[in-house]
Amino acid sequence: MMRFLKRSYMSLIMLFLYAPIVLLIVFSFNAGRSRGLWGGFSLHWYAELLRDRQILTALRNTLIIGLSAAAISTVIGGLGAIGLFQLRRKGMRQAMLSLVNLPMLNSEIVTGVSLLMLYAALRMELGFITLLLSHVAFCIPYVVLSVLPKLRQLDPHLAEAAQDLGATPLKAFWRVILPDIMPGVFSGFLLALTLSIDDFVISFFTTGMGVSNLSITIYTMARRGISPKLNALSAVIFMVVLTLLIIVNLPNFRQQNKKTRKEIPA
């Protein structure tokens, strides 16, 4: 009985979370413009999406900024996580970790206004560079928190053992440490990429004329009324993210299945 209740409860949660997305995907194939009446199956809005130069330009900017910000923040955040892990004084480590967590707890509008004031003080022209730097800034803490758990799972004497066998510190890091923490690094990269694509508030404050990402473009278009093209765009983004998640988690699923089979007695 308890097992049935648990499954029912989880099913309700999943239904509550994904029913709006499923409805959006279904109506992205609607032949009409109505968001409540089905007018027949059609790929018309996907074709219109491919012909919309404003959306395609925003998509290109979003991918360039997202991939660049994710790559830069992964390098900086990964090295920062290693530096935090190597701190010997526990109080200092906790204080630094709290400072890293602060941007995630802070309101996005405060971060956006603060970055805008910083760029104004530095006399930087708002545009692509300021938008990229802003995305890097708010993505770094998420990368740090993705990498730190993997570092804590490592054998503390692993790097020393590699150096005892003749490896230099840099070689020990590349050959021994990095492969073990790579799942956390890759998770941090994907999380940073997702956050960069999703962000609106900070992007709104730190972008300039002629540079717009998808979130700003969708907000601008939505003020004139929700176009069915946005349904098609959202459906494509959701399916791409879902595919990436499946690809990333597939090795873990296989390892868990192998482990479960070994634990089951013959």
C-alpha atoms as a PDB file:
ATOM      1  CA  MET A   1       0.000   0.000   0.000  1.00  0.00           C
ATOM      2  CA  MET A   2       2.792   2.427   0.954  1.00  0.00           C
ATOM      3  CA  ARG A   3       4.618   1.622  -2.271  1.00  0.00           C
ATOM      4  CA  PHE A   4       1.471   2.451  -4.270  1.00  0.00           C
ATOM      5  CA  LEU A   5       1.039   5.748  -2.408  1.00  0.00           C
ATOM      6  CA  LYS A   6       4.669   6.727  -3.021  1.00  0.00           C
ATOM      7  CA  ARG A   7       4.382   6.017  -6.732  1.00  0.00           C
ATOM      8  CA  SER A   8       1.091   7.880  -6.966  1.00  0.00           C
ATOM      9  CA  TYR A   9       2.574  10.875  -5.169  1.00  0.00           C
ATOM     10  CA  MET A  10       5.606  10.962  -7.489  1.00  0.00           C
ATOM     11  CA  SER A  11       3.338  10.577 -10.524  1.00  0.00           C
ATOM     12  CA  LEU A  12       1.294  13.590  -9.414  1.00  0.00           C
ATOM     13  CA  ILE A  13       4.463  15.654  -8.988  1.00  0.00           C
ATOM     14  CA  MET A  14       5.701  14.692 -12.465  1.00  0.00           C
ATOM     15  CA  LEU A  15       2.276  15.455 -13.934  1.00  0.00           C
ATOM     16  CA  PHE A  16       2.223  18.866 -12.254  1.00  0.00           C
ATOM     17  CA  LEU A  17       5.727  19.675 -13.538  1.00  0.00           C
ATOM     18  CA  TYR A  18       5.488  18.412 -17.092  1.00  0.00           C
ATOM     19  CA  ALA A  19       1.821  18.801 -18.099  1.00  0.00           C
ATOM     20  CA  PRO A  20       2.331  22.460 -19.201  1.00  0.00           C
ATOM     21  CA  ILE A  21       5.406  21.491 -21.254  1.00  0.00           C
ATOM     22  CA  VAL A  22       3.571  18.593 -22.916  1.00  0.00           C
ATOM     23  CA  LEU A  23       0.669  20.925 -23.746  1.00  0.00           C
ATOM     24  CA  LEU A  24       3.094  23.461 -25.229  1.00  0.00           C
ATOM     25  CA  ILE A  25       4.745  20.796 -27.406  1.00  0.00           C
ATOM     26  CA  VAL A  26       1.354  19.508 -28.602  1.00  0.00           C
ATOM     27  CA  PHE A  27       0.156  22.980 -29.595  1.00  0.00           C
ATOM     28  CA  SER A  28       3.431  23.714 -31.377  1.00  0.00           C
ATOM     29  CA  PHE A  29       2.033  21.354 -34.055  1.00  0.00           C
ATOM     30  CA  ASN A  30      -1.328  23.150 -34.168  1.00  0.00           C
ATOM     31  CA  ALA A  31      -2.242  24.448 -37.611  1.00  0.00           C
ATOM     32  CA  GLY A  32      -4.099  27.441 -36.169  1.00  0.00           C
ATOM     33  CA  ARG A  33      -2.938  30.337 -33.995  1.00  0.00           C
ATOM     34  CA  SER A  34      -5.232  29.440 -31.110  1.00  0.00           C
ATOM     35  CA  ARG A  35      -3.658  28.322 -27.843  1.00  0.00           C
ATOM     36  CA  GLY A  36      -6.792  26.468 -26.756  1.00  0.00           C
ATOM     37  CA  LEU A  37      -8.467  25.097 -29.881  1.00  0.00           C
ATOM     38  CA  TRP A  38      -6.906  22.336 -31.978  1.00  0.00           C
ATOM     39  CA  GLY A  39      -6.943  23.180 -35.686  1.00  0.00           C
ATOM     40  CA  GLY A  40      -5.189  20.110 -37.044  1.00  0.00           C
ATOM     41  CA  PHE A  41      -1.635  18.797 -37.219  1.00  0.00           C
ATOM     42  CA  SER A  42       0.873  20.973 -39.057  1.00  0.00           C
ATOM     43  CA  LEU A  43       4.596  21.823 -39.145  1.00  0.00           C
ATOM     44  CA  HIS A  44       3.796  25.344 -40.312  1.00  0.00           C
ATOM     45  CA  TRP A  45       5.116  27.091 -37.194  1.00  0.00           C
ATOM     46  CA  TYR A  46       8.404  25.189 -37.305  1.00  0.00           C
ATOM     47  CA  ALA A  47       8.855  26.385 -40.893  1.00  0.00           C
ATOM     48  CA  GLU A  48       8.003  29.930 -39.795  1.00  0.00           C
ATOM     49  CA  LEU A  49      10.531  29.609 -36.978  1.00  0.00           C
ATOM     50  CA  LEU A  50      13.285  28.746 -39.449  1.00  0.00           C
ATOM     51  CA  ARG A  51      12.381  31.811 -41.521  1.00  0.00           C
ATOM     52  CA  ASP A  52      12.382  34.256 -38.579  1.00  0.00           C
ATOM     53  CA  ARG A  53      15.717  36.072 -38.772  1.00  0.00           C
ATOM     54  CA  GLN A  54      15.270  37.790 -35.396  1.00  0.00           C
ATOM     55  CA  ILE A  55      14.858  34.489 -33.540  1.00  0.00           C
ATOM     56  CA  LEU A  56      17.688  32.803 -35.442  1.00  0.00           C
ATOM     57  CA  THR A  57      20.049  35.702 -34.654  1.00  0.00           C
ATOM     58  CA  ALA A  58      19.066  35.548 -30.973  1.00  0.00           C
ATOM     59  CA  LEU A  59      19.575  31.763 -31.009  1.00  0.00           C
ATOM     60  CA  ARG A  60      23.045  32.186 -32.494  1.00  0.00           C
ATOM     61  CA  ASN A  61      23.971  34.785 -29.841  1.00  0.00           C
ATOM     62  CA  THR A  62      22.559  32.554 -27.103  1.00  0.00           C
ATOM     63  CA  LEU A  63      24.580  29.529 -28.205  1.00  0.00           C
ATOM     64  CA  ILE A  64      27.806  31.500 -28.625  1.00  0.00           C
ATOM     65  CA  ILE A  65      27.462  33.226 -25.251  1.00  0.00           C
ATOM     66  CA  GLY A  66      26.194  30.075 -23.515  1.00  0.00           C
ATOM     67  CA  LEU A  67      28.963  27.774 -24.764  1.00  0.00           C
ATOM     68  CA  SER A  68      31.666  30.404 -24.185  1.00  0.00           C
ATOM     69  CA  ALA A  69      30.419  31.264 -20.689  1.00  0.00           C
ATOM     70  CA  ALA A  70      30.063  27.575 -19.795  1.00  0.00           C
ATOM     71  CA  ALA A  71      33.600  26.768 -20.997  1.00  0.00           C
ATOM     72  CA  ILE A  72      35.220  29.740 -19.224  1.00  0.00           C
ATOM     73  CA  SER A  73      33.269  29.257 -15.990  1.00  0.00           C
ATOM     74  CA  THR A  74      34.052  25.518 -16.013  1.00  0.00           C
ATOM     75  CA  VAL A  75      37.793  26.207 -16.168  1.00  0.00           C
ATOM     76  CA  ILE A  76      37.697  28.961 -13.534  1.00  0.00           C
ATOM     77  CA  GLY A  77      35.178  27.167 -11.308  1.00  0.00           C
ATOM     78  CA  GLY A  78      36.994  23.828 -11.571  1.00  0.00           C
ATOM     79  CA  LEU A  79      40.310  25.380 -10.545  1.00  0.00           C
ATOM     80  CA  GLY A  80      38.515  27.303  -7.810  1.00  0.00           C
ATOM     81  CA  ALA A  81      36.976  24.094  -6.469  1.00  0.00           C
ATOM     82  CA  ILE A  82      40.412  22.456  -6.359  1.00  0.00           C
ATOM     83  CA  GLY A  83      41.793  25.499  -4.554  1.00  0.00           C
ATOM     84  CA  LEU A  84      38.967  25.386  -1.985  1.00  0.00           C
ATOM     85  CA  PHE A  85      39.464  21.654  -1.501  1.00  0.00           C
ATOM     86  CA  GLN A  86      43.190  22.131  -0.877  1.00  0.00           C
ATOM     87  CA  LEU A  87      42.658  24.734   1.870  1.00  0.00           C
ATOM     88  CA  ARG A  88      43.871  23.170   5.108  1.00  0.00           C
ATOM     89  CA  ARG A  89      42.178  25.547   7.553  1.00  0.00           C
ATOM     90  CA  LYS A  90      38.581  24.408   7.868  1.00  0.00           C
ATOM     91  CA  GLY A  91      37.318  27.816   9.003  1.00  0.00           C
ATOM     92  CA  MET A  92      38.907  29.571   6.031  1.00  0.00           C
ATOM     93  CA  ARG A  93      37.527  26.937   3.655  1.00  0.00           C
ATOM     94  CA  GLN A  94      34.005  27.375   5.026  1.00  0.00           C
ATOM     95  CA  ALA A  95      34.252  31.159   4.814  1.00  0.00           C
ATOM     96  CA  MET A  96      35.398  31.014   1.189  1.00  0.00           C
ATOM     97  CA  LEU A  97      32.671  28.497   0.351  1.00  0.00           C
ATOM     98  CA  SER A  98      30.074  30.831   1.860  1.00  0.00           C
ATOM     99  CA  LEU A  99      31.350  33.653  -0.357  1.00  0.00           C
ATOM    100  CA  VAL A 100      31.071  31.356  -3.383  1.00  0.00           C
ATOM    101  CA  ASN A 101      27.486  30.473  -2.417  1.00  0.00           C
ATOM    102  CA  LEU A 102      26.460  34.110  -1.929  1.00  0.00           C
ATOM    103  CA  PRO A 103      25.831  34.929  -5.630  1.00  0.00           C
ATOM    104  CA  MET A 104      23.439  31.967  -5.877  1.00  0.00           C
ATOM    105  CA  LEU A 105      21.473  33.115  -2.830  1.00  0.00           C
ATOM    106  CA  ASN A 106      21.454  36.736  -3.951  1.00  0.00           C
ATOM    107  CA  SER A 107      18.554  38.058  -6.007  1.00  0.00           C
ATOM    108  CA  GLU A 108      19.258  38.172  -9.736  1.00  0.00           C
ATOM    109  CA  ILE A 109      18.042  41.747 -10.025  1.00  0.00           C
ATOM    110  CA  VAL A 110      20.610  42.823  -7.420  1.00  0.00           C
ATOM    111  CA  THR A 111      23.346  41.019  -9.338  1.00  0.00           C
ATOM    112  CA  GLY A 112      22.203  42.566 -12.611  1.00  0.00           C
ATOM    113  CA  VAL A 113      22.105  46.129 -11.247  1.00  0.00           C
ATOM    114  CA  SER A 114      25.482  45.623  -9.510  1.00  0.00           C
ATOM    115  CA  LEU A 115      27.126  44.441 -12.722  1.00  0.00           C
ATOM    116  CA  LEU A 116      25.565  47.339 -14.631  1.00  0.00           C
ATOM    117  CA  MET A 117      27.013  49.817 -12.122  1.00  0.00           C
ATOM    118  CA  LEU A 118      30.420  48.108 -12.338  1.00  0.00           C
ATOM    119  CA  TYR A 119      30.518  48.373 -16.132  1.00  0.00           C
ATOM    120  CA  ALA A 120      29.426  52.008 -15.906  1.00  0.00           C
ATOM    121  CA  ALA A 121      32.210  52.748 -13.404  1.00  0.00           C
ATOM    122  CA  LEU A 122      34.741  51.038 -15.685  1.00  0.00           C
ATOM    123  CA  ARG A 123      33.310  52.947 -18.675  1.00  0.00           C
ATOM    124  CA  MET A 124      32.676  49.704 -20.562  1.00  0.00           C
ATOM    125  CA  GLU A 125      30.247  49.838 -23.447  1.00  0.00           C
ATOM    126  CA  LEU A 126      27.378  47.415 -22.933  1.00  0.00           C
ATOM    127  CA  GLY A 127      27.301  44.676 -25.529  1.00  0.00           C
ATOM    128  CA  PHE A 128      28.574  41.184 -26.229  1.00  0.00           C
ATOM    129  CA  ILE A 129      31.605  41.337 -23.892  1.00  0.00           C
ATOM    130  CA  THR A 130      29.675  42.626 -20.878  1.00  0.00           C
ATOM    131  CA  LEU A 131      26.948  40.028 -21.450  1.00  0.00           C
ATOM    132  CA  LEU A 132      29.524  37.228 -21.662  1.00  0.00           C
ATOM    133  CA  LEU A 133      31.385  38.412 -18.528  1.00  0.00           C
ATOM    134  CA  SER A 134      28.106  38.610 -16.617  1.00  0.00           C
ATOM    135  CA  HIS A 135      27.154  35.058 -17.559  1.00  0.00           C
ATOM    136  CA  VAL A 136      30.587  33.794 -16.548  1.00  0.00           C
ATOM    137  CA  ALA A 137      30.269  35.561 -13.190  1.00  0.00           C
ATOM    138  CA  PHE A 138      26.974  33.956 -12.165  1.00  0.00           C
ATOM    139  CA  CYS A 139      27.848  30.506 -13.576  1.00  0.00           C
ATOM    140  CA  ILE A 140      31.124  30.016 -11.674  1.00  0.00           C
ATOM    141  CA  PRO A 141      29.526  29.202  -8.252  1.00  0.00           C
ATOM    142  CA  TYR A 142      27.412  26.428  -9.787  1.00  0.00           C
ATOM    143  CA  VAL A 143      30.487  24.840 -11.348  1.00  0.00           C
ATOM    144  CA  VAL A 144      32.331  24.981  -8.017  1.00  0.00           C
ATOM    145  CA  LEU A 145      29.470  23.198  -6.255  1.00  0.00           C
ATOM    146  CA  SER A 146      29.345  20.558  -8.993  1.00  0.00           C
ATOM    147  CA  VAL A 147      33.059  19.745  -8.802  1.00  0.00           C
ATOM    148  CA  LEU A 148      33.565  19.845  -5.008  1.00  0.00           C
ATOM    149  CA  PRO A 149      31.566  16.638  -4.221  1.00  0.00           C
ATOM    150  CA  LYS A 150      33.692  14.675  -6.708  1.00  0.00           C
ATOM    151  CA  LEU A 151      36.870  16.006  -5.092  1.00  0.00           C
ATOM    152  CA  ARG A 152      35.619  14.909  -1.670  1.00  0.00           C
ATOM    153  CA  GLN A 153      35.068  11.385  -3.013  1.00  0.00           C
ATOM    154  CA  LEU A 154      38.704  11.068  -4.115  1.00  0.00           C
ATOM    155  CA  ASP A 155      41.311   9.171  -2.140  1.00  0.00           C
ATOM    156  CA  PRO A 156      43.370  11.982  -0.533  1.00  0.00           C
ATOM    157  CA  HIS A 157      46.608  10.060  -1.169  1.00  0.00           C
ATOM    158  CA  LEU A 158      45.939   9.399  -4.874  1.00  0.00           C
ATOM    159  CA  ALA A 159      47.923  12.362  -6.198  1.00  0.00           C
ATOM    160  CA  GLU A 160      50.801  11.644  -3.810  1.00  0.00           C
ATOM    161  CA  ALA A 161      50.922   8.028  -4.988  1.00  0.00           C
ATOM    162  CA  ALA A 162      51.097   9.175  -8.612  1.00  0.00           C
ATOM    163  CA  GLN A 163      53.973  11.533  -7.800  1.00  0.00           C
ATOM    164  CA  ASP A 164      55.785   8.780  -5.920  1.00  0.00           C
ATOM    165  CA  LEU A 165      55.627   6.741  -9.129  1.00  0.00           C
ATOM    166  CA  GLY A 166      57.384   9.526 -11.036  1.00  0.00           C
ATOM    167  CA  ALA A 167      54.577  11.757 -12.253  1.00  0.00           C
ATOM    168  CA  THR A 168      54.950  15.525 -12.016  1.00  0.00           C
ATOM    169  CA  PRO A 169      52.172  17.417 -10.142  1.00  0.00           C
ATOM    170  CA  LEU A 170      50.714  18.616 -13.452  1.00  0.00           C
ATOM    171  CA  LYS A 171      50.832  15.124 -14.979  1.00  0.00           C
ATOM    172  CA  ALA A 172      49.277  13.637 -11.837  1.00  0.00           C
ATOM    173  CA  PHE A 173      46.436  16.115 -12.164  1.00  0.00           C
ATOM    174  CA  TRP A 174      45.809  15.376 -15.875  1.00  0.00           C
ATOM    175  CA  ARG A 175      46.200  11.601 -15.667  1.00  0.00           C
ATOM    176  CA  VAL A 176      44.794  10.803 -12.209  1.00  0.00           C
ATOM    177  CA  ILE A 177      42.709  13.604 -10.660  1.00  0.00           C
ATOM    178  CA  LEU A 178      40.923  15.039 -13.707  1.00  0.00           C
ATOM    179  CA  PRO A 179      39.519  11.713 -15.035  1.00  0.00           C
ATOM    180  CA  ASP A 180      37.998  10.975 -11.623  1.00  0.00           C
ATOM    181  CA  ILE A 181      36.336  14.371 -11.253  1.00  0.00           C
ATOM    182  CA  MET A 182      35.319  14.620 -14.930  1.00  0.00           C
ATOM    183  CA  PRO A 183      31.634  13.714 -14.255  1.00  0.00           C
ATOM    184  CA  GLY A 184      31.404  16.677 -11.879  1.00  0.00           C
ATOM    185  CA  VAL A 185      33.198  18.944 -14.357  1.00  0.00           C
ATOM    186  CA  PHE A 186      30.872  17.908 -17.178  1.00  0.00           C
ATOM    187  CA  SER A 187      27.808  18.344 -14.947  1.00  0.00           C
ATOM    188  CA  GLY A 188      29.036  21.825 -14.041  1.00  0.00           C
ATOM    189  CA  PHE A 189      29.498  22.643 -17.731  1.00  0.00           C
ATOM    190  CA  LEU A 190      25.965  21.524 -18.602  1.00  0.00           C
ATOM    191  CA  LEU A 191      24.510  23.369 -15.609  1.00  0.00           C
ATOM    192  CA  ALA A 192      26.358  26.559 -16.579  1.00  0.00           C
ATOM    193  CA  LEU A 193      25.179  26.203 -20.182  1.00  0.00           C
ATOM    194  CA  THR A 194      21.559  25.714 -19.066  1.00  0.00           C
ATOM    195  CA  LEU A 195      21.680  28.698 -16.707  1.00  0.00           C
ATOM    196  CA  SER A 196      23.215  30.904 -19.388  1.00  0.00           C
ATOM    197  CA  ILE A 197      20.532  29.997 -21.929  1.00  0.00           C
ATOM    198  CA  ASP A 198      17.778  30.458 -19.339  1.00  0.00           C
ATOM    199  CA  ASP A 199      18.899  33.770 -17.824  1.00  0.00           C
ATOM    200  CA  PHE A 200      16.854  36.900 -18.492  1.00  0.00           C
ATOM    201  CA  VAL A 201      17.207  39.373 -15.607  1.00  0.00           C
ATOM    202  CA  ILE A 202      21.010  39.692 -15.603  1.00  0.00           C
ATOM    203  CA  SER A 203      21.111  39.641 -19.416  1.00  0.00           C
ATOM    204  CA  PHE A 204      18.519  42.422 -19.560  1.00  0.00           C
ATOM    205  CA  PHE A 205      20.675  44.742 -17.431  1.00  0.00           C
ATOM    206  CA  THR A 206      24.062  43.972 -18.994  1.00  0.00           C
ATOM    207  CA  THR A 207      23.386  43.749 -22.736  1.00  0.00           C
ATOM    208  CA  GLY A 208      23.558  46.596 -25.213  1.00  0.00           C
ATOM    209  CA  MET A 209      21.986  47.673 -28.479  1.00  0.00           C
ATOM    210  CA  GLY A 210      22.141  45.048 -31.214  1.00  0.00           C
ATOM    211  CA  VAL A 211      22.969  42.142 -28.884  1.00  0.00           C
ATOM    212  CA  SER A 212      20.045  40.041 -27.719  1.00  0.00           C
ATOM    213  CA  ASN A 213      19.740  36.470 -26.509  1.00  0.00           C
ATOM    214  CA  LEU A 214      16.698  34.213 -26.702  1.00  0.00           C
ATOM    215  CA  SER A 215      15.248  35.159 -23.325  1.00  0.00           C
ATOM    216  CA  ILE A 216      15.256  38.884 -24.167  1.00  0.00           C
ATOM    217  CA  THR A 217      13.902  38.254 -27.672  1.00  0.00           C
ATOM    218  CA  ILE A 218      11.098  36.042 -26.362  1.00  0.00           C
ATOM    219  CA  TYR A 219      10.215  38.649 -23.730  1.00  0.00           C
ATOM    220  CA  THR A 220      10.083  41.366 -26.397  1.00  0.00           C
ATOM    221  CA  MET A 221       7.926  39.240 -28.712  1.00  0.00           C
ATOM    222  CA  ALA A 222       5.620  38.121 -25.876  1.00  0.00           C
ATOM    223  CA  ARG A 223       4.731  41.749 -25.095  1.00  0.00           C
ATOM    224  CA  ARG A 224       3.076  41.899 -28.516  1.00  0.00           C
ATOM    225  CA  GLY A 225       1.285  38.597 -27.972  1.00  0.00           C
ATOM    226  CA  ILE A 226       2.403  34.973 -27.763  1.00  0.00           C
ATOM    227  CA  SER A 227       3.215  33.719 -31.257  1.00  0.00           C
ATOM    228  CA  PRO A 228       2.906  29.976 -32.035  1.00  0.00           C
ATOM    229  CA  LYS A 229       6.502  30.243 -33.251  1.00  0.00           C
ATOM    230  CA  LEU A 230       7.521  30.546 -29.594  1.00  0.00           C
ATOM    231  CA  ASN A 231       5.783  27.246 -28.893  1.00  0.00           C
ATOM    232  CA  ALA A 232       7.850  25.616 -31.627  1.00  0.00           C
ATOM    233  CA  LEU A 233      11.050  27.228 -30.329  1.00  0.00           C
ATOM    234  CA  SER A 234      10.360  26.110 -26.741  1.00  0.00           C
ATOM    235  CA  ALA A 235       9.603  22.577 -27.917  1.00  0.00           C
ATOM    236  CA  VAL A 236      12.918  22.400 -29.797  1.00  0.00           C
ATOM    237  CA  ILE A 237      14.883  23.704 -26.789  1.00  0.00           C
ATOM    238  CA  PHE A 238      13.181  21.241 -24.444  1.00  0.00           C
ATOM    239  CA  MET A 239      13.863  18.252 -26.705  1.00  0.00           C
ATOM    240  CA  VAL A 240      17.531  19.241 -27.164  1.00  0.00           C
ATOM    241  CA  VAL A 241      18.037  19.584 -23.389  1.00  0.00           C
ATOM    242  CA  LEU A 242      16.227  16.292 -22.756  1.00  0.00           C
ATOM    243  CA  THR A 243      18.423  14.529 -25.326  1.00  0.00           C
ATOM    244  CA  LEU A 244      21.588  15.946 -23.739  1.00  0.00           C
ATOM    245  CA  LEU A 245      20.492  14.789 -20.291  1.00  0.00           C
ATOM    246  CA  ILE A 246      19.796  11.278 -21.577  1.00  0.00           C
ATOM    247  CA  ILE A 247      23.212  11.117 -23.276  1.00  0.00           C
ATOM    248  CA  VAL A 248      25.007  12.370 -20.159  1.00  0.00           C
ATOM    249  CA  ASN A 249      23.214  10.033 -17.752  1.00  0.00           C
ATOM    250  CA  LEU A 250      23.252   6.938 -19.976  1.00  0.00           C
ATOM    251  CA  PRO A 251      26.691   5.728 -18.732  1.00  0.00           C
ATOM    252  CA  ASN A 252      25.552   6.132 -15.117  1.00  0.00           C
ATOM    253  CA  PHE A 253      22.388   4.120 -15.815  1.00  0.00           C
ATOM    254  CA  ARG A 254      24.466   1.343 -17.357  1.00  0.00           C
ATOM    255  CA  GLN A 255      26.868   1.277 -14.393  1.00  0.00           C
ATOM    256  CA  GLN A 256      23.965   1.113 -11.942  1.00  0.00           C
ATOM    257  CA  ASN A 257      22.365  -1.740 -13.891  1.00  0.00           C
ATOM    258  CA  LYS A 258      25.642  -3.700 -13.895  1.00  0.00           C
ATOM    259  CA  LYS A 259      26.073  -3.077 -10.173  1.00  0.00           C
ATOM    260  CA  THR A 260      22.503  -4.199  -9.476  1.00  0.00           C
ATOM    261  CA  ARG A 261      23.006  -7.404 -11.485  1.00  0.00           C
ATOM    262  CA  LYS A 262      26.166  -8.223  -9.562  1.00  0.00           C
ATOM    263  CA  GLU A 263      24.432  -7.682  -6.228  1.00  0.00           C
ATOM    264  CA  ILE A 264      21.521  -9.980  -7.157  1.00  0.00           C
ATOM    265  CA  PRO A 265      22.455 -13.557  -6.150  1.00  0.00           C
ATOM    266  CA  ALA A 266      22.328 -16.168  -8.888  1.00  0.00           C
END
